Every structure is written in structure tokens, then in C-alpha cells.
C-alpha atoms as a PDB file:
ATOM      1  CA  UNK A   1      11.390   6.939  -3.462  1.00  0.00           C
ATOM      2  CA  UNK A   2       8.502   6.080  -5.761  1.00  0.00           C
ATOM      3  CA  UNK A   3       8.287   2.465  -6.930  1.00  0.00           C
ATOM      4  CA  UNK A   4       6.166   0.612  -9.466  1.00  0.00           C
ATOM      5  CA  UNK A   5       4.434  -2.346  -7.863  1.00  0.00           C
ATOM      6  CA  UNK A   6       4.941  -4.567 -10.901  1.00  0.00           C
ATOM      7  CA  UNK A   7       8.692  -4.150 -10.514  1.00  0.00           C
ATOM      8  CA  UNK A   8       8.409  -5.525  -6.975  1.00  0.00           C
ATOM      9  CA  UNK A   9       6.443  -8.619  -7.953  1.00  0.00           C
ATOM     10  CA  UNK A  10       8.476 -11.836  -7.754  1.00  0.00           C
ATOM     11  CA  UNK A  11      11.384 -10.130  -5.996  1.00  0.00           C
ATOM     12  CA  UNK A  12      13.166 -12.529  -3.652  1.00  0.00           C
ATOM     13  CA  UNK A  13      12.297 -11.984   0.022  1.00  0.00           C
ATOM     14  CA  UNK A  14      15.345 -12.149   2.261  1.00  0.00           C
ATOM     15  CA  UNK A  15      14.829 -12.439   6.017  1.00  0.00           C
ATOM     16  CA  UNK A  16      17.600 -11.811   8.560  1.00  0.00           C
ATOM     17  CA  UNK A  17      18.660 -15.458   8.429  1.00  0.00           C
ATOM     18  CA  UNK A  18      17.749 -16.644   4.946  1.00  0.00           C
ATOM     19  CA  UNK A  19      15.489 -16.413   1.924  1.00  0.00           C
ATOM     20  CA  UNK A  20      11.796 -17.005   2.651  1.00  0.00           C
ATOM     21  CA  UNK A  21      10.183 -16.859  -0.792  1.00  0.00           C
ATOM     22  CA  UNK A  22       9.027 -14.225  -3.272  1.00  0.00           C
ATOM     23  CA  UNK A  23       6.699 -11.233  -3.412  1.00  0.00           C
ATOM     24  CA  UNK A  24       3.266 -12.388  -4.565  1.00  0.00           C
ATOM     25  CA  UNK A  25       1.062  -9.316  -4.135  1.00  0.00           C
ATOM     26  CA  UNK A  26      -0.016  -6.513  -1.797  1.00  0.00           C
ATOM     27  CA  UNK A  27      -3.106  -5.642   0.247  1.00  0.00           C
ATOM     28  CA  UNK A  28      -4.014  -1.971   0.657  1.00  0.00           C
ATOM     29  CA  UNK A  29      -6.789  -0.169   2.477  1.00  0.00           C
ATOM     30  CA  UNK A  30      -9.259   1.823   0.425  1.00  0.00           C
ATOM     31  CA  UNK A  31      -9.688   4.544   3.060  1.00  0.00           C
ATOM     32  CA  UNK A  32      -6.134   5.916   3.000  1.00  0.00           C
ATOM     33  CA  UNK A  33      -4.900   4.096  -0.125  1.00  0.00           C
ATOM     34  CA  UNK A  34      -1.889   2.761   1.747  1.00  0.00           C
ATOM     35  CA  UNK A  35      -0.252  -0.669   1.536  1.00  0.00           C
ATOM     36  CA  UNK A  36      -0.858  -2.672   4.714  1.00  0.00           C
ATOM     37  CA  UNK A  37       0.588  -6.061   3.839  1.00  0.00           C
ATOM     38  CA  UNK A  38       2.876  -7.801   1.424  1.00  0.00           C
ATOM     39  CA  UNK A  39       1.659 -11.319   0.671  1.00  0.00           C
ATOM     40  CA  UNK A  40       4.599 -13.717   0.400  1.00  0.00           C
ATOM     41  CA  UNK A  41       4.805 -16.780  -1.806  1.00  0.00           C
ATOM     42  CA  UNK A  42       6.817 -19.109   0.448  1.00  0.00           C
ATOM     43  CA  UNK A  43       6.627 -22.149  -1.806  1.00  0.00           C
ATOM     44  CA  UNK A  44       6.232 -25.238   0.356  1.00  0.00           C
ATOM     45  CA  UNK A  45       7.711 -23.706   3.505  1.00  0.00           C
ATOM     46  CA  UNK A  46       4.479 -22.482   5.141  1.00  0.00           C
ATOM     47  CA  UNK A  47       1.889 -24.109   2.909  1.00  0.00           C
ATOM     48  CA  UNK A  48      -1.786 -23.796   3.798  1.00  0.00           C
ATOM     49  CA  UNK A  49      -1.546 -20.282   5.225  1.00  0.00           C
ATOM     50  CA  UNK A  50      -1.192 -16.718   4.029  1.00  0.00           C
ATOM     51  CA  UNK A  51       2.116 -15.190   5.031  1.00  0.00           C
ATOM     52  CA  UNK A  52       1.581 -11.474   5.540  1.00  0.00           C
ATOM     53  CA  UNK A  53       4.424  -9.043   6.089  1.00  0.00           C
ATOM     54  CA  UNK A  54       3.757  -5.492   7.218  1.00  0.00           C
ATOM     55  CA  UNK A  55       5.700  -2.671   5.536  1.00  0.00           C
ATOM     56  CA  UNK A  56       7.119  -2.006   9.029  1.00  0.00           C
ATOM     57  CA  UNK A  57       9.401  -5.000   8.387  1.00  0.00           C
ATOM     58  CA  UNK A  58      10.352  -4.126   4.811  1.00  0.00           C
ATOM     59  CA  UNK A  59      13.548  -2.372   3.834  1.00  0.00           C
ATOM     60  CA  UNK A  60      14.522  -0.749   0.547  1.00  0.00           C
ATOM     61  CA  UNK A  61      14.393  -3.028  -2.471  1.00  0.00           C
ATOM     62  CA  UNK A  62      17.626  -3.946  -4.213  1.00  0.00           C
ATOM     63  CA  UNK A  63      16.420  -4.091  -7.813  1.00  0.00           C
ATOM     64  CA  UNK A  64      19.885  -4.986  -9.092  1.00  0.00           C
ATOM     65  CA  UNK A  65      19.897  -8.176  -7.010  1.00  0.00           C
ATOM     66  CA  UNK A  66      16.117  -8.618  -7.273  1.00  0.00           C
ATOM     67  CA  UNK A  67      15.880  -8.762  -3.471  1.00  0.00           C
ATOM     68  CA  UNK A  68      13.520  -7.152  -0.940  1.00  0.00           C
ATOM     69  CA  UNK A  69      14.886  -7.352   2.597  1.00  0.00           C
ATOM     70  CA  UNK A  70      12.656  -8.307   5.533  1.00  0.00           C
ATOM     71  CA  UNK A  71      13.776  -7.220   8.999  1.00  0.00           C
ATOM     72  CA  UNK A  72      12.511 -10.421  10.648  1.00  0.00           C
ATOM     73  CA  UNK A  73      13.841 -13.911  11.276  1.00  0.00           C
ATOM     74  CA  UNK A  74      12.337 -17.062   9.792  1.00  0.00           C
ATOM     75  CA  UNK A  75      11.252 -18.126  13.275  1.00  0.00           C
ATOM     76  CA  UNK A  76       9.464 -14.835  13.925  1.00  0.00           C
ATOM     77  CA  UNK A  77       7.518 -15.246  10.691  1.00  0.00           C
ATOM     78  CA  UNK A  78       6.780 -18.932  11.274  1.00  0.00           C
ATOM     79  CA  UNK A  79       5.447 -18.284  14.785  1.00  0.00           C
ATOM     80  CA  UNK A  80       3.353 -15.253  13.800  1.00  0.00           C
ATOM     81  CA  UNK A  81      -0.466 -15.590  13.932  1.00  0.00           C
ATOM     82  CA  UNK A  82      -1.592 -18.001  11.227  1.00  0.00           C
ATOM     83  CA  UNK A  83      -4.195 -17.111   8.598  1.00  0.00           C
ATOM     84  CA  UNK A  84      -5.678 -19.648   6.189  1.00  0.00           C
ATOM     85  CA  UNK A  85      -4.950 -19.052   2.503  1.00  0.00           C
ATOM     86  CA  UNK A  86      -8.633 -18.616   1.686  1.00  0.00           C
ATOM     87  CA  UNK A  87      -9.549 -16.522   4.744  1.00  0.00           C
ATOM     88  CA  UNK A  88     -10.177 -12.761   4.628  1.00  0.00           C
ATOM     89  CA  UNK A  89      -8.050 -10.550   6.868  1.00  0.00           C
ATOM     90  CA  UNK A  90     -10.209  -9.600   9.844  1.00  0.00           C
ATOM     91  CA  UNK A  91      -9.546  -6.777  12.285  1.00  0.00           C
ATOM     92  CA  UNK A  92      -9.431  -9.392  15.021  1.00  0.00           C
ATOM     93  CA  UNK A  93      -6.592 -11.132  13.175  1.00  0.00           C
ATOM     94  CA  UNK A  94      -4.823  -7.811  12.618  1.00  0.00           C
ATOM     95  CA  UNK A  95      -4.945  -7.082  16.345  1.00  0.00           C
ATOM     96  CA  UNK A  96      -3.275 -10.429  17.032  1.00  0.00           C
ATOM     97  CA  UNK A  97      -0.737  -9.836  14.272  1.00  0.00           C
ATOM     98  CA  UNK A  98       0.250  -6.318  15.358  1.00  0.00           C
ATOM     99  CA  UNK A  99       0.221  -7.374  19.006  1.00  0.00           C
ATOM    100  CA  UNK A 100       2.605 -10.230  18.243  1.00  0.00           C
ATOM    101  CA  UNK A 101       5.134  -7.923  16.600  1.00  0.00           C
ATOM    102  CA  UNK A 102       4.520  -4.936  18.872  1.00  0.00           C
ATOM    103  CA  UNK A 103       4.040  -2.511  16.005  1.00  0.00           C
ATOM    104  CA  UNK A 104       1.806   0.606  16.220  1.00  0.00           C
ATOM    105  CA  UNK A 105      -1.626  -0.129  14.752  1.00  0.00           C
ATOM    106  CA  UNK A 106      -2.456   1.859  11.640  1.00  0.00           C
ATOM    107  CA  UNK A 107      -6.183   1.975  12.486  1.00  0.00           C
ATOM    108  CA  UNK A 108      -5.575   3.830  15.787  1.00  0.00           C
ATOM    109  CA  UNK A 109      -5.663   7.451  14.709  1.00  0.00           C
ATOM    110  CA  UNK A 110      -6.929   9.702  11.950  1.00  0.00           C
ATOM    111  CA  UNK A 111      -3.853   9.529   9.702  1.00  0.00           C
ATOM    112  CA  UNK A 112      -2.789   6.805   7.272  1.00  0.00           C
ATOM    113  CA  UNK A 113      -0.090   5.566   9.670  1.00  0.00           C
ATOM    114  CA  UNK A 114      -2.088   5.856  12.880  1.00  0.00           C
ATOM    115  CA  UNK A 115       0.262   6.866  15.670  1.00  0.00           C
ATOM    116  CA  UNK A 116       3.388   6.440  13.555  1.00  0.00           C
ATOM    117  CA  UNK A 117       4.921   9.073  11.263  1.00  0.00           C
ATOM    118  CA  UNK A 118       6.831   6.662   9.030  1.00  0.00           C
ATOM    119  CA  UNK A 119       7.141   2.980   8.150  1.00  0.00           C
ATOM    120  CA  UNK A 120      10.943   3.225   8.269  1.00  0.00           C
ATOM    121  CA  UNK A 121      12.975   2.292  11.321  1.00  0.00           C
ATOM    122  CA  UNK A 122      10.156   0.643  13.280  1.00  0.00           C
ATOM    123  CA  UNK A 123      11.489  -2.667  14.571  1.00  0.00           C
ATOM    124  CA  UNK A 124       9.412  -5.408  16.256  1.00  0.00           C
ATOM    125  CA  UNK A 125       8.579  -4.437  19.823  1.00  0.00           C
ATOM    126  CA  UNK A 126       8.765  -0.677  19.191  1.00  0.00           C
ATOM    127  CA  UNK A 127       4.981  -0.234  19.218  1.00  0.00           C
ATOM    128  CA  UNK A 128       2.633   0.110  22.141  1.00  0.00           C
ATOM    129  CA  UNK A 129       2.430  -3.641  22.714  1.00  0.00           C
ATOM    130  CA  UNK A 130       4.681  -6.141  24.440  1.00  0.00           C
ATOM    131  CA  UNK A 131       6.602  -7.189  21.346  1.00  0.00           C
ATOM    132  CA  UNK A 132       7.087 -10.702  20.004  1.00  0.00           C
ATOM    133  CA  UNK A 133       4.577 -13.020  21.592  1.00  0.00           C
ATOM    134  CA  UNK A 134       2.964 -10.199  23.550  1.00  0.00           C
ATOM    135  CA  UNK A 135      -0.492  -8.680  23.402  1.00  0.00           C
ATOM    136  CA  UNK A 136      -1.074  -5.101  22.415  1.00  0.00           C
ATOM    137  CA  UNK A 137      -3.156  -3.470  25.123  1.00  0.00           C
ATOM    138  CA  UNK A 138      -3.971  -0.152  23.479  1.00  0.00           C
ATOM    139  CA  UNK A 139      -5.737  -1.532  20.448  1.00  0.00           C
ATOM    140  CA  UNK A 140      -9.290  -0.512  19.692  1.00  0.00           C
ATOM    141  CA  UNK A 141     -11.638  -3.461  20.123  1.00  0.00           C
ATOM    142  CA  UNK A 142     -13.116  -4.612  16.807  1.00  0.00           C
ATOM    143  CA  UNK A 143     -16.803  -4.303  16.118  1.00  0.00           C
ATOM    144  CA  UNK A 144     -18.812  -7.399  15.223  1.00  0.00           C
ATOM    145  CA  UNK A 145     -18.600  -6.426  11.553  1.00  0.00           C
ATOM    146  CA  UNK A 146     -14.820  -6.013  11.741  1.00  0.00           C
ATOM    147  CA  UNK A 147     -14.447  -9.378  13.466  1.00  0.00           C
ATOM    148  CA  UNK A 148     -15.866 -10.996  10.316  1.00  0.00           C
ATOM    149  CA  UNK A 149     -13.634  -9.128   7.874  1.00  0.00           C
ATOM    150  CA  UNK A 150     -11.937  -5.817   7.266  1.00  0.00           C
ATOM    151  CA  UNK A 151     -13.982  -4.178   4.465  1.00  0.00           C
ATOM    152  CA  UNK A 152     -11.245  -1.650   3.747  1.00  0.00           C
ATOM    153  CA  UNK A 153      -8.536  -4.125   2.696  1.00  0.00           C
ATOM    154  CA  UNK A 154      -8.216  -4.751  -1.042  1.00  0.00           C
ATOM    155  CA  UNK A 155      -5.933  -6.845  -3.204  1.00  0.00           C
ATOM    156  CA  UNK A 156      -3.853  -4.882  -5.713  1.00  0.00           C
ATOM    157  CA  UNK A 157      -3.965  -7.850  -8.072  1.00  0.00           C
ATOM    158  CA  UNK A 158      -7.764  -7.838  -7.946  1.00  0.00           C
ATOM    159  CA  UNK A 159      -8.030  -4.072  -8.558  1.00  0.00           C
ATOM    160  CA  UNK A 160      -5.631  -4.205 -11.519  1.00  0.00           C
ATOM    161  CA  UNK A 161      -7.861  -4.130 -14.595  1.00  0.00           C
ATOM    162  CA  UNK A 162     -10.601  -1.967 -13.034  1.00  0.00           C
ATOM    163  CA  UNK A 163     -12.002   0.520 -15.561  1.00  0.00           C
ATOM    164  CA  UNK A 164     -11.427   4.239 -15.067  1.00  0.00           C
ATOM    165  CA  UNK A 165     -14.612   6.293 -15.434  1.00  0.00           C
ATOM    166  CA  UNK A 166     -14.061  10.018 -16.002  1.00  0.00           C
ATOM    167  CA  UNK A 167     -16.813  12.606 -15.574  1.00  0.00           C
ATOM    168  CA  UNK A 168     -17.807  12.271 -19.223  1.00  0.00           C
ATOM    169  CA  UNK A 169     -16.873   8.735 -20.221  1.00  0.00           C
ATOM    170  CA  UNK A 170     -14.638   5.734 -19.759  1.00  0.00           C
ATOM    171  CA  UNK A 171     -10.958   6.421 -20.245  1.00  0.00           C
ATOM    172  CA  UNK A 172      -8.881   3.299 -19.589  1.00  0.00           C
ATOM    173  CA  UNK A 173      -8.080   0.699 -16.949  1.00  0.00           C
ATOM    174  CA  UNK A 174      -5.764   0.288 -13.950  1.00  0.00           C
ATOM    175  CA  UNK A 175      -2.485  -1.234 -15.138  1.00  0.00           C
ATOM    176  CA  UNK A 176      -0.235  -0.717 -12.102  1.00  0.00           C
ATOM    177  CA  UNK A 177       0.324   1.261  -8.909  1.00  0.00           C
ATOM    178  CA  UNK A 178       3.039   3.687  -7.812  1.00  0.00           C
ATOM    179  CA  UNK A 179       3.899   3.519  -4.110  1.00  0.00           C
ATOM    180  CA  UNK A 180       6.075   5.567  -1.776  1.00  0.00           C
ATOM    181  CA  UNK A 181       8.615   3.315  -0.041  1.00  0.00           C
ATOM    182  CA  UNK A 182       8.788   5.582   3.043  1.00  0.00           C
ATOM    183  CA  UNK A 183       5.084   5.652   3.930  1.00  0.00           C
ATOM    184  CA  UNK A 184       3.884   2.877   1.575  1.00  0.00           C
ATOM    185  CA  UNK A 185       1.119   5.191   0.440  1.00  0.00           C
ATOM    186  CA  UNK A 186      -0.234   4.628  -3.068  1.00  0.00           C
ATOM    187  CA  UNK A 187       0.706   7.853  -4.815  1.00  0.00           C
ATOM    188  CA  UNK A 188      -0.709   7.029  -8.251  1.00  0.00           C
ATOM    189  CA  UNK A 189      -2.684   4.558 -10.277  1.00  0.00           C
ATOM    190  CA  UNK A 190      -1.054   3.851 -13.634  1.00  0.00           C
ATOM    191  CA  UNK A 191      -3.834   4.018 -16.230  1.00  0.00           C
ATOM    192  CA  UNK A 192      -3.544   2.261 -19.573  1.00  0.00           C
ATOM    193  CA  UNK A 193      -5.532   4.172 -22.187  1.00  0.00           C
ATOM    194  CA  UNK A 194      -4.625   1.919 -25.138  1.00  0.00           C
ATOM    195  CA  UNK A 195      -8.269   1.463 -26.144  1.00  0.00           C
ATOM    196  CA  UNK A 196      -8.503   5.240 -26.638  1.00  0.00           C
ATOM    197  CA  UNK A 197      -4.943   6.388 -27.418  1.00  0.00           C
ATOM    198  CA  UNK A 198      -2.706   3.425 -28.317  1.00  0.00           C
ATOM    199  CA  UNK A 199       0.390   2.930 -26.186  1.00  0.00           C
ATOM    200  CA  UNK A 200      -0.279   5.813 -23.796  1.00  0.00           C
ATOM    201  CA  UNK A 201      -0.120   5.562 -19.991  1.00  0.00           C
ATOM    202  CA  UNK A 202      -1.084   8.321 -17.566  1.00  0.00           C
ATOM    203  CA  UNK A 203      -1.107   8.707 -13.785  1.00  0.00           C
ATOM    204  CA  UNK A 204      -4.116   9.363 -11.570  1.00  0.00           C
ATOM    205  CA  UNK A 205      -3.726  10.263  -7.897  1.00  0.00           C
ATOM    206  CA  UNK A 206      -6.058   8.564  -5.381  1.00  0.00           C
ATOM    207  CA  UNK A 207      -6.820  12.116  -4.211  1.00  0.00           C
ATOM    208  CA  UNK A 208      -8.647  12.669  -7.509  1.00  0.00           C
ATOM    209  CA  UNK A 209     -10.881   9.611  -7.115  1.00  0.00           C
ATOM    210  CA  UNK A 210     -14.507  10.338  -6.337  1.00  0.00           C
ATOM    211  CA  UNK A 211     -15.625   6.784  -5.604  1.00  0.00           C
ATOM    212  CA  UNK A 212     -15.017   3.140  -6.447  1.00  0.00           C
ATOM    213  CA  UNK A 213     -17.671   0.595  -7.396  1.00  0.00           C
ATOM    214  CA  UNK A 214     -16.196  -2.698  -6.270  1.00  0.00           C
ATOM    215  CA  UNK A 215     -19.182  -4.552  -7.757  1.00  0.00           C
ATOM    216  CA  UNK A 216     -18.812  -2.933 -11.194  1.00  0.00           C
ATOM    217  CA  UNK A 217     -14.994  -2.953 -11.010  1.00  0.00           C
ATOM    218  CA  UNK A 218     -14.901   0.767 -11.800  1.00  0.00           C
ATOM    219  CA  UNK A 219     -12.922   3.712 -10.449  1.00  0.00           C
ATOM    220  CA  UNK A 220     -14.728   7.053 -10.818  1.00  0.00           C
ATOM    221  CA  UNK A 221     -12.437  10.096 -11.067  1.00  0.00           C
ATOM    222  CA  UNK A 222     -13.327  13.781 -10.826  1.00  0.00           C
ATOM    223  CA  UNK A 223     -11.605  14.604 -14.111  1.00  0.00           C
ATOM    224  CA  UNK A 224     -12.744  14.992 -17.701  1.00  0.00           C
ATOM    225  CA  UNK A 225     -11.652  12.728 -20.540  1.00  0.00           C
ATOM    226  CA  UNK A 226     -10.036  15.678 -22.301  1.00  0.00           C
ATOM    227  CA  UNK A 227      -8.055  16.679 -19.203  1.00  0.00           C
ATOM    228  CA  UNK A 228      -6.732  13.132 -18.861  1.00  0.00           C
ATOM    229  CA  UNK A 229      -5.973  12.980 -22.576  1.00  0.00           C
ATOM    230  CA  UNK A 230      -3.895  16.163 -22.363  1.00  0.00           C
ATOM    231  CA  UNK A 231      -2.062  15.176 -19.158  1.00  0.00           C
ATOM    232  CA  UNK A 232       1.695  14.466 -19.217  1.00  0.00           C
ATOM    233  CA  UNK A 233       2.359  10.964 -20.492  1.00  0.00           C
ATOM    234  CA  UNK A 234       3.811   8.570 -17.933  1.00  0.00           C
ATOM    235  CA  UNK A 235       7.083   6.833 -18.723  1.00  0.00           C
ATOM    236  CA  UNK A 236       8.940   5.031 -15.899  1.00  0.00           C
ATOM    237  CA  UNK A 237      12.199   6.853 -16.579  1.00  0.00           C
ATOM    238  CA  UNK A 238      10.444  10.235 -16.259  1.00  0.00           C
ATOM    239  CA  UNK A 239       9.046   9.669 -12.765  1.00  0.00           C
ATOM    240  CA  UNK A 240      10.669  12.402 -10.711  1.00  0.00           C
ATOM    241  CA  UNK A 241       9.518  15.478  -8.803  1.00  0.00           C
ATOM    242  CA  UNK A 242       9.655  17.655 -11.932  1.00  0.00           C
ATOM    243  CA  UNK A 243       7.247  15.267 -13.650  1.00  0.00           C
ATOM    244  CA  UNK A 244       4.985  15.240 -10.578  1.00  0.00           C
ATOM    245  CA  UNK A 245       4.952  19.027 -10.483  1.00  0.00           C
ATOM    246  CA  UNK A 246       3.966  19.175 -14.156  1.00  0.00           C
ATOM    247  CA  UNK A 247       1.241  16.588 -13.563  1.00  0.00           C
ATOM    248  CA  UNK A 248      -0.287  18.432 -10.615  1.00  0.00           C
ATOM    249  CA  UNK A 249      -0.004  21.797 -12.355  1.00  0.00           C
ATOM    250  CA  UNK A 250      -1.837  20.333 -15.337  1.00  0.00           C
ATOM    251  CA  UNK A 251      -4.793  19.422 -13.111  1.00  0.00           C
ATOM    252  CA  UNK A 252      -4.376  22.542 -10.931  1.00  0.00           C
ATOM    253  CA  UNK A 253      -4.076  20.337  -7.860  1.00  0.00           C
ATOM    254  CA  UNK A 254      -1.835  20.639  -4.829  1.00  0.00           C
ATOM    255  CA  UNK A 255       0.835  17.963  -4.454  1.00  0.00           C
ATOM    256  CA  UNK A 256       0.633  15.390  -1.678  1.00  0.00           C
ATOM    257  CA  UNK A 257       4.104  16.494  -0.508  1.00  0.00           C
ATOM    258  CA  UNK A 258       2.727  19.940   0.361  1.00  0.00           C
ATOM    259  CA  UNK A 259      -0.001  18.451   2.545  1.00  0.00           C
ATOM    260  CA  UNK A 260       2.488  16.182   4.318  1.00  0.00           C
ATOM    261  CA  UNK A 261       4.934  19.022   5.020  1.00  0.00           C
ATOM    262  CA  UNK A 262       2.081  21.009   6.542  1.00  0.00           C
ATOM    263  CA  UNK A 263       0.977  18.069   8.717  1.00  0.00           C
ATOM    264  CA  UNK A 264       4.558  17.558   9.893  1.00  0.00           C
ATOM    265  CA  UNK A 265       4.869  21.262  10.714  1.00  0.00           C
ATOM    266  CA  UNK A 266       1.627  21.194  12.725  1.00  0.00           C
ATOM    267  CA  UNK A 267       2.481  17.965  14.569  1.00  0.00           C
ATOM    268  CA  UNK A 268       2.604  18.808  18.331  1.00  0.00           C
ATOM    269  CA  UNK A 269       5.894  16.845  18.597  1.00  0.00           C
ATOM    270  CA  UNK A 270       7.522  19.351  16.234  1.00  0.00           C
ATOM    271  CA  UNK A 271       6.187  22.510  17.880  1.00  0.00           C
ATOM    272  CA  UNK A 272       8.635  23.997  20.348  1.00  0.00           C
END
């Protein structure tokens, strides 16, 4: 299912044994454009530290009840590796974090999910590590640069507002993100073009991004202004596979679902 990130913000987070706070924001990596952590607002419960929750622990959102379920206990979260609120997320910290929960590390491998094929159904202790309180032995050692910080992790809140630069001019700004709740991949950036065509929103796939200037706060896309202008307008109620097909056909691009089906077919585990 495809979800708008803004609809997830401020949802209540419900652990296995009680409510633990609300959704504050998400961190994603700019290599695979995939969500790596939910940042929880725990109020005064765990003040002074960032509370990060991997999508491995998240279950489907209940929008009717405004709840996002977390497949962890309060104690598991409280005893997880601590990270100061103002500290960047380093690879060294991530190794401790993933080792504690025993989840497969996303950075081990060439795909967005590393050695895993899905974020769903992966409970603590099902990775290559020892589980809660253990140490993951098969992690790649971080380089000195990675020990300082992970340059690929970005805040969705910080990237919201970045300008979209087409091949022949500026076309709008990032207003939201569309994510896949099975893989937690970012499928689209929602672009607000109100400064060019009032009230119109369009979708841009990360696959169509040429580069990002983090210093200039600009996203450069390999599309023309006219092509974006003529693309199917995005409305939340219209977000289904028919709309996606029309969008990709408009740009003459192959859908991400085709690539993923091919990768699944070629996976050695599925070849008999």
C-alpha cells in the first residue's frame, strides 16, 4: 500500500504493552531512497535522546484510530542503544542498534533492503545477530568517515521544501513523500507547483532524479518543465495502480513494480 507521509505524522505509536508517543518524522537514505527510521516523539518518557524505530518493527497504520503499531515492548525500546537528540546517526551507532534487535542490516548488500526481501514479518532476533542485547557478528565494519556520521541519512522534514529543478527551469518544491508500507521505499516525491500552476500537485519518482544539491536545497530531475506540466495531476484519492500506469506511460518510463518482479524472479532462492 502507498501512504502519504504527512498522513502518518502525529499518529499515536502503540507498542506491545502501551502507547509510547507519536510519530515525529522519518530518516531516509539518499542512495536507495528508502525509509530507515521513524523518529518518535515520546514526550517526557525518554527525554534527552532520539528514539529511533526501524520499519522492521512497524505494522500497518490504522488511520481510522490514528494509530501506528510497533512490534516492540516499552522495555525493549528503553534499553535500546541511546542516541543524543542533537547527535547525527553514525554507522557505528546503527551497528549497535541493529545488533541489539538482531535485524538484518540494510547496508549489507547491493539492494535497498540488504539481505532481506521485505520489511514485513521480521521480528527482533530474526537477523544474523544474537537478538535483544546481542552483538551482530556479520556486520561490515564502519570506515572512519562512517564512524563520524552516515552521510546517506536525511531527514524528510528537512528535505520538504526543497526546490525542484527541471532540465529547463524551476518547477516547484517538495511538499510530501509517498512511501510503500511493505518495503518502506519512497516511491514518489509530491511536488507543489503552485507558484507556476496554482493548486496543482504532481508526482516525481526518485528514479527520475539526476542529482540533489543538499547545499542549495535543490532536487534536479531529468524531465522538462513542459513534461511535468502535462503530467497527470496528483490527488490523494486517485493514487492507485491505474494512476501510476498513466504517470509512467506519460514519461515513457518503466514502473518500479516491473523491476521488482524481475529481481524477485532472478533471486537464487526462487530459482528451482
